[in-house]
Structures are given as C-alpha cells and as structure tokens.
Amino acid sequence: MGLRAFLHRQANRVFHPSYLPRWHYLGGERLELDEGPTAATLPEGTEIFEISAEGGNISYSINTLNANVNSSGWVPQNGGRIHGPLSNLTQLSLWGALGEIAHLLYYRESN
C-alpha cells in the first residue's frame, strides 16, 4: 500500500492522515550526569524513547554503554529528541558534563 492508502481527502483538498500511531507509556527517569557514561534503565518492551537535556548539551549512544562527548547522538541544552520505533533497542548510554540532567520517557507502539 502506498501513502495514499493512509490518507483521505477533505473538502479543501488537503490530505489528512487516517492512521496515527499509538504509543503506550512505559515509564521515565531523570538522570544526573557526571562526565562519564551513564546507562539508562530501559523498561521491558521499550521501542521508542524521548530524551530532553537540562543544564547543557547531552551526547548519547544507542545499543552501547560507552557514550562520550563524540557520540553520534546529541541533544542541545533545553532541547529534545525522539527516536523510534526501534525493534532492536537494548541499551542506551548518555554522557554529559557534571550537573547536566537528562529527562527520559519510554514508550512502545501499540495497535
């Protein structure tokens, strides 16, 4: 099925989605970082995560436990990122300077 199968047309000729994914909230945590890799505690079944940075920029690494300042994942201060759904999400590691805080929310996609 193509994209049009998931869209329907309104009177004003604007397409609107007829299917929106549903997320089931699994929990969250607040991690205080200390210039070393910090492992997040992923609840069973996590497919999607949201990360917000407070106090500075945060780097993160998916499916490894060795995040550092050069990790490919990056969240700016007072910014956020959402990743997923990821069928193979097993580990999440974060790195930030002393006193920076990572806010994490975990979800899975449900029908």
PDB file of N, CA and C in Angstrom:
ATOM      1  N   MET A   1       0.829  -1.182   0.000  1.00  0.00           N
ATOM      2  CA  MET A   1       0.000   0.000   0.000  1.00  0.00           C
ATOM      3  C   MET A   1       0.870   1.240   0.000  1.00  0.00           C
ATOM      4  N   GLY A   2       0.482   2.193  -0.788  1.00  0.00           N
ATOM      5  CA  GLY A   2       1.219   3.437  -0.839  1.00  0.00           C
ATOM      6  C   GLY A   2       0.728   4.429   0.193  1.00  0.00           C
ATOM      7  N   LEU A   3       1.333   5.596   0.158  1.00  0.00           N
ATOM      8  CA  LEU A   3       0.996   6.649   1.105  1.00  0.00           C
ATOM      9  C   LEU A   3      -0.473   7.052   1.001  1.00  0.00           C
ATOM     10  N   ARG A   4      -1.020   7.055  -0.212  1.00  0.00           N
ATOM     11  CA  ARG A   4      -2.419   7.471  -0.377  1.00  0.00           C
ATOM     12  C   ARG A   4      -3.397   6.556   0.350  1.00  0.00           C
ATOM     13  N   ALA A   5      -3.007   5.314   0.589  1.00  0.00           N
ATOM     14  CA  ALA A   5      -3.886   4.397   1.313  1.00  0.00           C
ATOM     15  C   ALA A   5      -4.073   4.831   2.760  1.00  0.00           C
ATOM     16  N   PHE A   6      -3.117   5.568   3.293  1.00  0.00           N
ATOM     17  CA  PHE A   6      -3.198   6.022   4.677  1.00  0.00           C
ATOM     18  C   PHE A   6      -3.715   7.456   4.792  1.00  0.00           C
ATOM     19  N   LEU A   7      -4.076   8.065   3.673  1.00  0.00           N
ATOM     20  CA  LEU A   7      -4.556   9.445   3.678  1.00  0.00           C
ATOM     21  C   LEU A   7      -5.964   9.508   3.113  1.00  0.00           C
ATOM     22  N   HIS A   8      -6.731  10.479   3.554  1.00  0.00           N
ATOM     23  CA  HIS A   8      -8.028  10.721   2.943  1.00  0.00           C
ATOM     24  C   HIS A   8      -8.146  12.209   2.640  1.00  0.00           C
ATOM     25  N   ARG A   9      -8.943  12.545   1.658  1.00  0.00           N
ATOM     26  CA  ARG A   9      -9.018  13.918   1.180  1.00  0.00           C
ATOM     27  C   ARG A   9     -10.199  14.639   1.818  1.00  0.00           C
ATOM     28  N   GLN A  10      -9.979  15.859   2.232  1.00  0.00           N
ATOM     29  CA  GLN A  10     -11.023  16.713   2.786  1.00  0.00           C
ATOM     30  C   GLN A  10     -11.571  17.627   1.685  1.00  0.00           C
ATOM     31  N   ALA A  11     -12.620  18.360   1.987  1.00  0.00           N
ATOM     32  CA  ALA A  11     -13.255  19.250   1.020  1.00  0.00           C
ATOM     33  C   ALA A  11     -12.306  20.341   0.536  1.00  0.00           C
ATOM     34  N   ASN A  12     -11.365  20.755   1.375  1.00  0.00           N
ATOM     35  CA  ASN A  12     -10.437  21.814   0.976  1.00  0.00           C
ATOM     36  C   ASN A  12      -9.206  21.275   0.245  1.00  0.00           C
ATOM     37  N   ARG A  13      -9.280  20.029  -0.195  1.00  0.00           N
ATOM     38  CA  ARG A  13      -8.230  19.370  -0.970  1.00  0.00           C
ATOM     39  C   ARG A  13      -6.910  19.195  -0.213  1.00  0.00           C
ATOM     40  N   VAL A  14      -6.980  19.142   1.087  1.00  0.00           N
ATOM     41  CA  VAL A  14      -5.803  18.882   1.912  1.00  0.00           C
ATOM     42  C   VAL A  14      -5.883  17.445   2.394  1.00  0.00           C
ATOM     43  N   PHE A  15      -4.799  16.723   2.259  1.00  0.00           N
ATOM     44  CA  PHE A  15      -4.754  15.342   2.733  1.00  0.00           C
ATOM     45  C   PHE A  15      -4.507  15.311   4.232  1.00  0.00           C
ATOM     46  N   HIS A  16      -5.189  14.424   4.915  1.00  0.00           N
ATOM     47  CA  HIS A  16      -5.028  14.230   6.350  1.00  0.00           C
ATOM     48  C   HIS A  16      -4.775  12.753   6.616  1.00  0.00           C
ATOM     49  N   PRO A  17      -3.947  12.425   7.598  1.00  0.00           N
ATOM     50  CA  PRO A  17      -3.693  11.009   7.884  1.00  0.00           C
ATOM     51  C   PRO A  17      -4.928  10.330   8.449  1.00  0.00           C
ATOM     52  N   SER A  18      -5.189   9.121   7.974  1.00  0.00           N
ATOM     53  CA  SER A  18      -6.294   8.341   8.529  1.00  0.00           C
ATOM     54  C   SER A  18      -5.782   7.350   9.567  1.00  0.00           C
ATOM     55  N   TYR A  19      -4.463   7.224   9.687  1.00  0.00           N
ATOM     56  CA  TYR A  19      -3.864   6.354  10.696  1.00  0.00           C
ATOM     57  C   TYR A  19      -2.790   7.140  11.427  1.00  0.00           C
ATOM     58  N   LEU A  20      -2.869   7.168  12.724  1.00  0.00           N
ATOM     59  CA  LEU A  20      -1.824   7.765  13.546  1.00  0.00           C
ATOM     60  C   LEU A  20      -1.329   6.698  14.509  1.00  0.00           C
ATOM     61  N   PRO A  21      -0.018   6.559  14.658  1.00  0.00           N
ATOM     62  CA  PRO A  21       0.487   5.544  15.584  1.00  0.00           C
ATOM     63  C   PRO A  21       0.077   5.849  17.017  1.00  0.00           C
ATOM     64  N   ARG A  22      -0.112   4.798  17.790  1.00  0.00           N
ATOM     65  CA  ARG A  22      -0.445   4.949  19.210  1.00  0.00           C
ATOM     66  C   ARG A  22       0.733   4.461  20.027  1.00  0.00           C
ATOM     67  N   TRP A  23       1.101   5.244  21.023  1.00  0.00           N
ATOM     68  CA  TRP A  23       2.212   4.881  21.897  1.00  0.00           C
ATOM     69  C   TRP A  23       1.686   4.558  23.278  1.00  0.00           C
ATOM     70  N   HIS A  24       2.252   3.532  23.875  1.00  0.00           N
ATOM     71  CA  HIS A  24       1.919   3.139  25.240  1.00  0.00           C
ATOM     72  C   HIS A  24       3.083   3.558  26.136  1.00  0.00           C
ATOM     73  N   TYR A  25       2.794   4.379  27.135  1.00  0.00           N
ATOM     74  CA  TYR A  25       3.820   4.904  28.041  1.00  0.00           C
ATOM     75  C   TYR A  25       4.311   3.800  28.972  1.00  0.00           C
ATOM     76  N   LEU A  26       5.625   3.610  29.059  1.00  0.00           N
ATOM     77  CA  LEU A  26       6.214   2.568  29.895  1.00  0.00           C
ATOM     78  C   LEU A  26       6.889   3.111  31.148  1.00  0.00           C
ATOM     79  N   GLY A  27       7.154   4.391  31.176  1.00  0.00           N
ATOM     80  CA  GLY A  27       7.826   4.974  32.338  1.00  0.00           C
ATOM     81  C   GLY A  27       8.853   6.000  31.910  1.00  0.00           C
ATOM     82  N   GLY A  28       9.547   6.528  32.887  1.00  0.00           N
ATOM     83  CA  GLY A  28      10.558   7.534  32.607  1.00  0.00           C
ATOM     84  C   GLY A  28      11.555   7.617  33.746  1.00  0.00           C
ATOM     85  N   GLU A  29      12.591   8.400  33.536  1.00  0.00           N
ATOM     86  CA  GLU A  29      13.582   8.609  34.583  1.00  0.00           C
ATOM     87  C   GLU A  29      14.313   9.920  34.351  1.00  0.00           C
ATOM     88  N   ARG A  30      14.937  10.382  35.407  1.00  0.00           N
ATOM     89  CA  ARG A  30      15.732  11.611  35.395  1.00  0.00           C
ATOM     90  C   ARG A  30      17.136  11.219  35.824  1.00  0.00           C
ATOM     91  N   LEU A  31      18.114  11.444  34.948  1.00  0.00           N
ATOM     92  CA  LEU A  31      19.487  11.051  35.242  1.00  0.00           C
ATOM     93  C   LEU A  31      20.369  12.281  35.394  1.00  0.00           C
ATOM     94  N   GLU A  32      21.105  12.360  36.498  1.00  0.00           N
ATOM     95  CA  GLU A  32      22.100  13.412  36.690  1.00  0.00           C
ATOM     96  C   GLU A  32      23.425  12.882  36.159  1.00  0.00           C
ATOM     97  N   LEU A  33      24.023  13.611  35.230  1.00  0.00           N
ATOM     98  CA  LEU A  33      25.226  13.148  34.553  1.00  0.00           C
ATOM     99  C   LEU A  33      26.480  13.684  35.243  1.00  0.00           C
ATOM    100  N   ASP A  34      27.605  12.983  35.031  1.00  0.00           N
ATOM    101  CA  ASP A  34      28.823  13.323  35.781  1.00  0.00           C
ATOM    102  C   ASP A  34      30.106  13.168  34.965  1.00  0.00           C
ATOM    103  N   GLU A  35      30.085  13.515  33.693  1.00  0.00           N
ATOM    104  CA  GLU A  35      31.248  13.454  32.803  1.00  0.00           C
ATOM    105  C   GLU A  35      31.748  12.039  32.559  1.00  0.00           C
ATOM    106  N   GLY A  36      30.896  11.077  32.711  1.00  0.00           N
ATOM    107  CA  GLY A  36      31.216   9.688  32.392  1.00  0.00           C
ATOM    108  C   GLY A  36      29.997   9.060  31.768  1.00  0.00           C
ATOM    109  N   PRO A  37      30.141   7.904  31.115  1.00  0.00           N
ATOM    110  CA  PRO A  37      28.962   7.256  30.544  1.00  0.00           C
ATOM    111  C   PRO A  37      27.990   6.819  31.634  1.00  0.00           C
ATOM    112  N   THR A  38      26.723   7.102  31.421  1.00  0.00           N
ATOM    113  CA  THR A  38      25.668   6.728  32.361  1.00  0.00           C
ATOM    114  C   THR A  38      24.648   5.884  31.609  1.00  0.00           C
ATOM    115  N   ALA A  39      24.355   4.705  32.116  1.00  0.00           N
ATOM    116  CA  ALA A  39      23.406   3.802  31.459  1.00  0.00           C
ATOM    117  C   ALA A  39      21.984   4.120  31.895  1.00  0.00           C
ATOM    118  N   ALA A  40      21.083   4.157  30.928  1.00  0.00           N
ATOM    119  CA  ALA A  40      19.658   4.320  31.218  1.00  0.00           C
ATOM    120  C   ALA A  40      19.064   2.947  31.520  1.00  0.00           C
ATOM    121  N   THR A  41      18.003   2.934  32.311  1.00  0.00           N
ATOM    122  CA  THR A  41      17.297   1.694  32.639  1.00  0.00           C
ATOM    123  C   THR A  41      16.070   1.590  31.741  1.00  0.00           C
ATOM    124  N   LEU A  42      16.178   0.797  30.683  1.00  0.00           N
ATOM    125  CA  LEU A  42      15.080   0.661  29.724  1.00  0.00           C
ATOM    126  C   LEU A  42      14.063  -0.348  30.234  1.00  0.00           C
ATOM    127  N   PRO A  43      12.781   0.038  30.331  1.00  0.00           N
ATOM    128  CA  PRO A  43      11.754  -0.940  30.701  1.00  0.00           C
ATOM    129  C   PRO A  43      11.616  -2.017  29.616  1.00  0.00           C
ATOM    130  N   GLU A  44      11.148  -3.175  29.995  1.00  0.00           N
ATOM    131  CA  GLU A  44      10.924  -4.273  29.052  1.00  0.00           C
ATOM    132  C   GLU A  44       9.976  -3.817  27.944  1.00  0.00           C
ATOM    133  N   GLY A  45      10.346  -4.065  26.699  1.00  0.00           N
ATOM    134  CA  GLY A  45       9.492  -3.734  25.566  1.00  0.00           C
ATOM    135  C   GLY A  45       9.660  -2.328  25.021  1.00  0.00           C
ATOM    136  N   THR A  46      10.649  -1.578  25.489  1.00  0.00           N
ATOM    137  CA  THR A  46      10.856  -0.212  25.001  1.00  0.00           C
ATOM    138  C   THR A  46      11.226  -0.227  23.528  1.00  0.00           C
ATOM    139  N   GLU A  47      10.495   0.546  22.723  1.00  0.00           N
ATOM    140  CA  GLU A  47      10.775   0.697  21.300  1.00  0.00           C
ATOM    141  C   GLU A  47      11.046   2.148  20.938  1.00  0.00           C
ATOM    142  N   ILE A  48      10.547   3.066  21.759  1.00  0.00           N
ATOM    143  CA  ILE A  48      10.634   4.496  21.476  1.00  0.00           C
ATOM    144  C   ILE A  48      11.116   5.191  22.737  1.00  0.00           C
ATOM    145  N   PHE A  49      12.025   6.155  22.581  1.00  0.00           N
ATOM    146  CA  PHE A  49      12.417   6.940  23.746  1.00  0.00           C
ATOM    147  C   PHE A  49      12.491   8.410  23.380  1.00  0.00           C
ATOM    148  N   GLU A  50      12.184   9.227  24.366  1.00  0.00           N
ATOM    149  CA  GLU A  50      12.275  10.680  24.245  1.00  0.00           C
ATOM    150  C   GLU A  50      13.315  11.144  25.252  1.00  0.00           C
ATOM    151  N   ILE A  51      14.242  11.983  24.804  1.00  0.00           N
ATOM    152  CA  ILE A  51      15.289  12.485  25.681  1.00  0.00           C
ATOM    153  C   ILE A  51      15.307  14.005  25.621  1.00  0.00           C
ATOM    154  N   SER A  52      15.358  14.648  26.786  1.00  0.00           N
ATOM    155  CA  SER A  52      15.434  16.105  26.902  1.00  0.00           C
ATOM    156  C   SER A  52      16.658  16.449  27.733  1.00  0.00           C
ATOM    157  N   ALA A  53      17.317  17.549  27.382  1.00  0.00           N
ATOM    158  CA  ALA A  53      18.538  17.969  28.072  1.00  0.00           C
ATOM    159  C   ALA A  53      18.280  19.222  28.897  1.00  0.00           C
ATOM    160  N   GLU A  54      18.780  19.214  30.123  1.00  0.00           N
ATOM    161  CA  GLU A  54      18.660  20.367  31.019  1.00  0.00           C
ATOM    162  C   GLU A  54      20.051  20.697  31.554  1.00  0.00           C
ATOM    163  N   GLY A  55      20.452  21.944  31.444  1.00  0.00           N
ATOM    164  CA  GLY A  55      21.728  22.373  32.006  1.00  0.00           C
ATOM    165  C   GLY A  55      22.903  22.292  31.061  1.00  0.00           C
ATOM    166  N   GLY A  56      22.734  21.757  29.886  1.00  0.00           N
ATOM    167  CA  GLY A  56      23.824  21.659  28.917  1.00  0.00           C
ATOM    168  C   GLY A  56      23.516  20.637  27.848  1.00  0.00           C
ATOM    169  N   ASN A  57      24.438  20.482  26.909  1.00  0.00           N
ATOM    170  CA  ASN A  57      24.280  19.530  25.816  1.00  0.00           C
ATOM    171  C   ASN A  57      24.552  18.117  26.309  1.00  0.00           C
ATOM    172  N   ILE A  58      23.817  17.158  25.772  1.00  0.00           N
ATOM    173  CA  ILE A  58      23.977  15.757  26.158  1.00  0.00           C
ATOM    174  C   ILE A  58      24.262  14.933  24.902  1.00  0.00           C
ATOM    175  N   SER A  59      25.228  14.040  25.007  1.00  0.00           N
ATOM    176  CA  SER A  59      25.516  13.074  23.944  1.00  0.00           C
ATOM    177  C   SER A  59      24.962  11.722  24.373  1.00  0.00           C
ATOM    178  N   TYR A  60      24.570  10.899  23.394  1.00  0.00           N
ATOM    179  CA  TYR A  60      24.048   9.575  23.736  1.00  0.00           C
ATOM    180  C   TYR A  60      24.421   8.569  22.660  1.00  0.00           C
ATOM    181  N   SER A  61      24.370   7.318  23.039  1.00  0.00           N
ATOM    182  CA  SER A  61      24.706   6.222  22.148  1.00  0.00           C
ATOM    183  C   SER A  61      23.668   5.114  22.329  1.00  0.00           C
ATOM    184  N   ILE A  62      23.151   4.606  21.219  1.00  0.00           N
ATOM    185  CA  ILE A  62      22.128   3.567  21.245  1.00  0.00           C
ATOM    186  C   ILE A  62      22.790   2.198  21.098  1.00  0.00           C
ATOM    187  N   ASN A  63      22.360   1.251  21.922  1.00  0.00           N
ATOM    188  CA  ASN A  63      22.833  -0.139  21.924  1.00  0.00           C
ATOM    189  C   ASN A  63      24.315  -0.284  22.262  1.00  0.00           C
ATOM    190  N   THR A  64      24.858   0.668  23.006  1.00  0.00           N
ATOM    191  CA  THR A  64      26.203   0.548  23.583  1.00  0.00           C
ATOM    192  C   THR A  64      26.161   1.186  24.964  1.00  0.00           C
ATOM    193  N   LEU A  65      27.170   0.921  25.760  1.00  0.00           N
ATOM    194  CA  LEU A  65      27.241   1.510  27.101  1.00  0.00           C
ATOM    195  C   LEU A  65      28.438   2.444  27.245  1.00  0.00           C
ATOM    196  N   ASN A  66      28.967   2.963  26.129  1.00  0.00           N
ATOM    197  CA  ASN A  66      30.161   3.787  26.205  1.00  0.00           C
ATOM    198  C   ASN A  66      29.986   5.162  25.561  1.00  0.00           C
ATOM    199  N   ALA A  67      28.904   5.846  25.862  1.00  0.00           N
ATOM    200  CA  ALA A  67      28.691   7.185  25.310  1.00  0.00           C
ATOM    201  C   ALA A  67      29.796   8.122  25.787  1.00  0.00           C
ATOM    202  N   ASN A  68      30.182   9.055  24.908  1.00  0.00           N
ATOM    203  CA  ASN A  68      31.166  10.074  25.269  1.00  0.00           C
ATOM    204  C   ASN A  68      30.852  11.356  24.521  1.00  0.00           C
ATOM    205  N   VAL A  69      31.682  12.358  24.687  1.00  0.00           N
ATOM    206  CA  VAL A  69      31.419  13.663  24.082  1.00  0.00           C
ATOM    207  C   VAL A  69      31.344  13.585  22.556  1.00  0.00           C
ATOM    208  N   ASN A  70      31.946  12.571  21.942  1.00  0.00           N
ATOM    209  CA  ASN A  70      31.957  12.426  20.487  1.00  0.00           C
ATOM    210  C   ASN A  70      30.899  11.461  19.956  1.00  0.00           C
ATOM    211  N   SER A  71      29.980  11.014  20.785  1.00  0.00           N
ATOM    212  CA  SER A  71      28.923  10.096  20.335  1.00  0.00           C
ATOM    213  C   SER A  71      28.063  10.753  19.261  1.00  0.00           C
ATOM    214  N   SER A  72      27.523   9.938  18.374  1.00  0.00           N
ATOM    215  CA  SER A  72      26.762  10.479  17.242  1.00  0.00           C
ATOM    216  C   SER A  72      25.419  11.074  17.645  1.00  0.00           C
ATOM    217  N   GLY A  73      24.813  10.597  18.728  1.00  0.00           N
ATOM    218  CA  GLY A  73      23.560  11.181  19.198  1.00  0.00           C
ATOM    219  C   GLY A  73      23.837  12.415  20.037  1.00  0.00           C
ATOM    220  N   TRP A  74      23.067  13.477  19.818  1.00  0.00           N
ATOM    221  CA  TRP A  74      23.331  14.739  20.502  1.00  0.00           C
ATOM    222  C   TRP A  74      22.021  15.481  20.742  1.00  0.00           C
ATOM    223  N   VAL A  75      21.855  16.028  21.950  1.00  0.00           N
ATOM    224  CA  VAL A  75      20.676  16.824  22.299  1.00  0.00           C
ATOM    225  C   VAL A  75      21.171  18.169  22.819  1.00  0.00           C
ATOM    226  N   PRO A  76      20.737  19.290  22.230  1.00  0.00           N
ATOM    227  CA  PRO A  76      21.175  20.597  22.718  1.00  0.00           C
ATOM    228  C   PRO A  76      20.501  20.961  24.038  1.00  0.00           C
ATOM    229  N   GLN A  77      21.121  21.869  24.767  1.00  0.00           N
ATOM    230  CA  GLN A  77      20.548  22.339  26.030  1.00  0.00           C
ATOM    231  C   GLN A  77      19.123  22.825  25.807  1.00  0.00           C
ATOM    232  N   ASN A  78      18.223  22.424  26.697  1.00  0.00           N
ATOM    233  CA  ASN A  78      16.799  22.763  26.642  1.00  0.00           C
ATOM    234  C   ASN A  78      16.116  22.255  25.376  1.00  0.00           C
ATOM    235  N   GLY A  79      16.713  21.260  24.728  1.00  0.00           N
ATOM    236  CA  GLY A  79      16.132  20.664  23.536  1.00  0.00           C
ATOM    237  C   GLY A  79      15.713  19.232  23.809  1.00  0.00           C
ATOM    238  N   GLY A  80      15.186  18.587  22.784  1.00  0.00           N
ATOM    239  CA  GLY A  80      14.745  17.212  22.935  1.00  0.00           C
ATOM    240  C   GLY A  80      14.822  16.445  21.632  1.00  0.00           C
ATOM    241  N   ARG A  81      14.810  15.129  21.731  1.00  0.00           N
ATOM    242  CA  ARG A  81      14.819  14.235  20.578  1.00  0.00           C
ATOM    243  C   ARG A  81      13.914  13.045  20.891  1.00  0.00           C
ATOM    244  N   ILE A  82      13.306  12.511  19.836  1.00  0.00           N
ATOM    245  CA  ILE A  82      12.517  11.287  19.949  1.00  0.00           C
ATOM    246  C   ILE A  82      13.067  10.298  18.932  1.00  0.00           C
ATOM    247  N   HIS A  83      13.302   9.059  19.361  1.00  0.00           N
ATOM    248  CA  HIS A  83      13.791   8.008  18.474  1.00  0.00           C
ATOM    249  C   HIS A  83      12.852   6.817  18.537  1.00  0.00           C
ATOM    250  N   GLY A  84      12.557   6.265  17.369  1.00  0.00           N
ATOM    251  CA  GLY A  84      11.792   5.041  17.344  1.00  0.00           C
ATOM    252  C   GLY A  84      10.655   5.098  16.348  1.00  0.00           C
ATOM    253  N   PRO A  85       9.963   4.008  16.203  1.00  0.00           N
ATOM    254  CA  PRO A  85      10.170   2.752  16.916  1.00  0.00           C
ATOM    255  C   PRO A  85      11.407   2.007  16.412  1.00  0.00           C
ATOM    256  N   LEU A  86      12.153   1.456  17.359  1.00  0.00           N
ATOM    257  CA  LEU A  86      13.356   0.673  17.089  1.00  0.00           C
ATOM    258  C   LEU A  86      13.110  -0.749  17.593  1.00  0.00           C
ATOM    259  N   SER A  87      13.117  -1.713  16.698  1.00  0.00           N
ATOM    260  CA  SER A  87      12.820  -3.093  17.099  1.00  0.00           C
ATOM    261  C   SER A  87      13.974  -3.745  17.850  1.00  0.00           C
ATOM    262  N   ASN A  88      15.176  -3.169  17.762  1.00  0.00           N
ATOM    263  CA  ASN A  88      16.339  -3.792  18.388  1.00  0.00           C
ATOM    264  C   ASN A  88      16.931  -2.944  19.515  1.00  0.00           C
ATOM    265  N   LEU A  89      16.149  -2.105  20.158  1.00  0.00           N
ATOM    266  CA  LEU A  89      16.654  -1.241  21.229  1.00  0.00           C
ATOM    267  C   LEU A  89      16.906  -2.072  22.487  1.00  0.00           C
ATOM    268  N   THR A  90      18.173  -2.168  22.893  1.00  0.00           N
ATOM    269  CA  THR A  90      18.528  -2.957  24.074  1.00  0.00           C
ATOM    270  C   THR A  90      19.247  -2.141  25.137  1.00  0.00           C
ATOM    271  N   GLN A  91      20.001  -1.116  24.729  1.00  0.00           N
ATOM    272  CA  GLN A  91      20.778  -0.313  25.671  1.00  0.00           C
ATOM    273  C   GLN A  91      20.770   1.140  25.233  1.00  0.00           C
ATOM    274  N   LEU A  92      20.921   2.030  26.207  1.00  0.00           N
ATOM    275  CA  LEU A  92      21.034   3.460  25.940  1.00  0.00           C
ATOM    276  C   LEU A  92      22.022   4.034  26.938  1.00  0.00           C
ATOM    277  N   SER A  93      23.040   4.698  26.422  1.00  0.00           N
ATOM    278  CA  SER A  93      24.075   5.291  27.257  1.00  0.00           C
ATOM    279  C   SER A  93      24.111   6.793  27.001  1.00  0.00           C
ATOM    280  N   LEU A  94      24.315   7.571  28.071  1.00  0.00           N
ATOM    281  CA  LEU A  94      24.323   9.034  27.972  1.00  0.00           C
ATOM    282  C   LEU A  94      25.623   9.591  28.524  1.00  0.00           C
ATOM    283  N   TRP A  95      26.028  10.753  28.003  1.00  0.00           N
ATOM    284  CA  TRP A  95      27.201  11.456  28.511  1.00  0.00           C
ATOM    285  C   TRP A  95      26.867  12.938  28.595  1.00  0.00           C
ATOM    286  N   GLY A  96      27.255  13.553  29.691  1.00  0.00           N
ATOM    287  CA  GLY A  96      27.077  14.989  29.864  1.00  0.00           C
ATOM    288  C   GLY A  96      28.020  15.488  30.932  1.00  0.00           C
ATOM    289  N   ALA A  97      28.238  16.792  30.958  1.00  0.00           N
ATOM    290  CA  ALA A  97      29.115  17.395  31.962  1.00  0.00           C
ATOM    291  C   ALA A  97      28.472  17.291  33.342  1.00  0.00           C
ATOM    292  N   LEU A  98      29.275  17.461  34.359  1.00  0.00           N
ATOM    293  CA  LEU A  98      28.821  17.390  35.743  1.00  0.00           C
ATOM    294  C   LEU A  98      27.665  18.361  35.974  1.00  0.00           C
ATOM    295  N   GLY A  99      26.567  17.861  36.502  1.00  0.00           N
ATOM    296  CA  GLY A  99      25.409  18.693  36.810  1.00  0.00           C
ATOM    297  C   GLY A  99      24.360  18.762  35.720  1.00  0.00           C
ATOM    298  N   GLU A 100      24.646  18.262  34.534  1.00  0.00           N
ATOM    299  CA  GLU A 100      23.635  18.245  33.479  1.00  0.00           C
ATOM    300  C   GLU A 100      22.640  17.126  33.768  1.00  0.00           C
ATOM    301  N   ILE A 101      21.406  17.328  33.327  1.00  0.00           N
ATOM    302  CA  ILE A 101      20.332  16.387  33.643  1.00  0.00           C
ATOM    303  C   ILE A 101      19.667  15.918  32.350  1.00  0.00           C
ATOM    304  N   ALA A 102      19.452  14.612  32.262  1.00  0.00           N
ATOM    305  CA  ALA A 102      18.732  14.018  31.134  1.00  0.00           C
ATOM    306  C   ALA A 102      17.370  13.545  31.626  1.00  0.00           C
ATOM    307  N   HIS A 103      16.324  13.965  30.943  1.00  0.00           N
ATOM    308  CA  HIS A 103      14.961  13.505  31.227  1.00  0.00           C
ATOM    309  C   HIS A 103      14.598  12.510  30.131  1.00  0.00           C
ATOM    310  N   LEU A 104      14.227  11.299  30.520  1.00  0.00           N
ATOM    311  CA  LEU A 104      13.926  10.237  29.567  1.00  0.00           C
ATOM    312  C   LEU A 104      12.508   9.720  29.766  1.00  0.00           C
ATOM    313  N   LEU A 105      11.808   9.492  28.656  1.00  0.00           N
ATOM    314  CA  LEU A 105      10.479   8.877  28.659  1.00  0.00           C
ATOM    315  C   LEU A 105      10.525   7.694  27.704  1.00  0.00           C
ATOM    316  N   TYR A 106       9.902   6.585  28.106  1.00  0.00           N
ATOM    317  CA  TYR A 106       9.955   5.350  27.323  1.00  0.00           C
ATOM    318  C   TYR A 106       8.546   4.941  26.882  1.00  0.00           C
ATOM    319  N   TYR A 107       8.457   4.449  25.632  1.00  0.00           N
ATOM    320  CA  TYR A 107       7.181   4.045  25.049  1.00  0.00           C
ATOM    321  C   TYR A 107       7.370   2.782  24.222  1.00  0.00           C
ATOM    322  N   ARG A 108       6.246   2.127  23.926  1.00  0.00           N
ATOM    323  CA  ARG A 108       6.208   1.095  22.896  1.00  0.00           C
ATOM    324  C   ARG A 108       5.017   1.409  22.012  1.00  0.00           C
ATOM    325  N   GLU A 109       5.091   1.009  20.764  1.00  0.00           N
ATOM    326  CA  GLU A 109       3.988   1.248  19.840  1.00  0.00           C
ATOM    327  C   GLU A 109       2.935   0.177  20.064  1.00  0.00           C
ATOM    328  N   SER A 110       1.672   0.588  20.124  1.00  0.00           N
ATOM    329  CA  SER A 110       0.584  -0.363  20.335  1.00  0.00           C
ATOM    330  C   SER A 110      -0.446  -0.211  19.229  1.00  0.00           C
ATOM    331  N   ASN A 111      -1.240  -1.240  19.046  1.00  0.00           N
ATOM    332  CA  ASN A 111      -2.262  -1.228  17.992  1.00  0.00           C
ATOM    333  C   ASN A 111      -3.548  -0.654  18.498  1.00  0.00           C
TER     334      ASN A 111
END
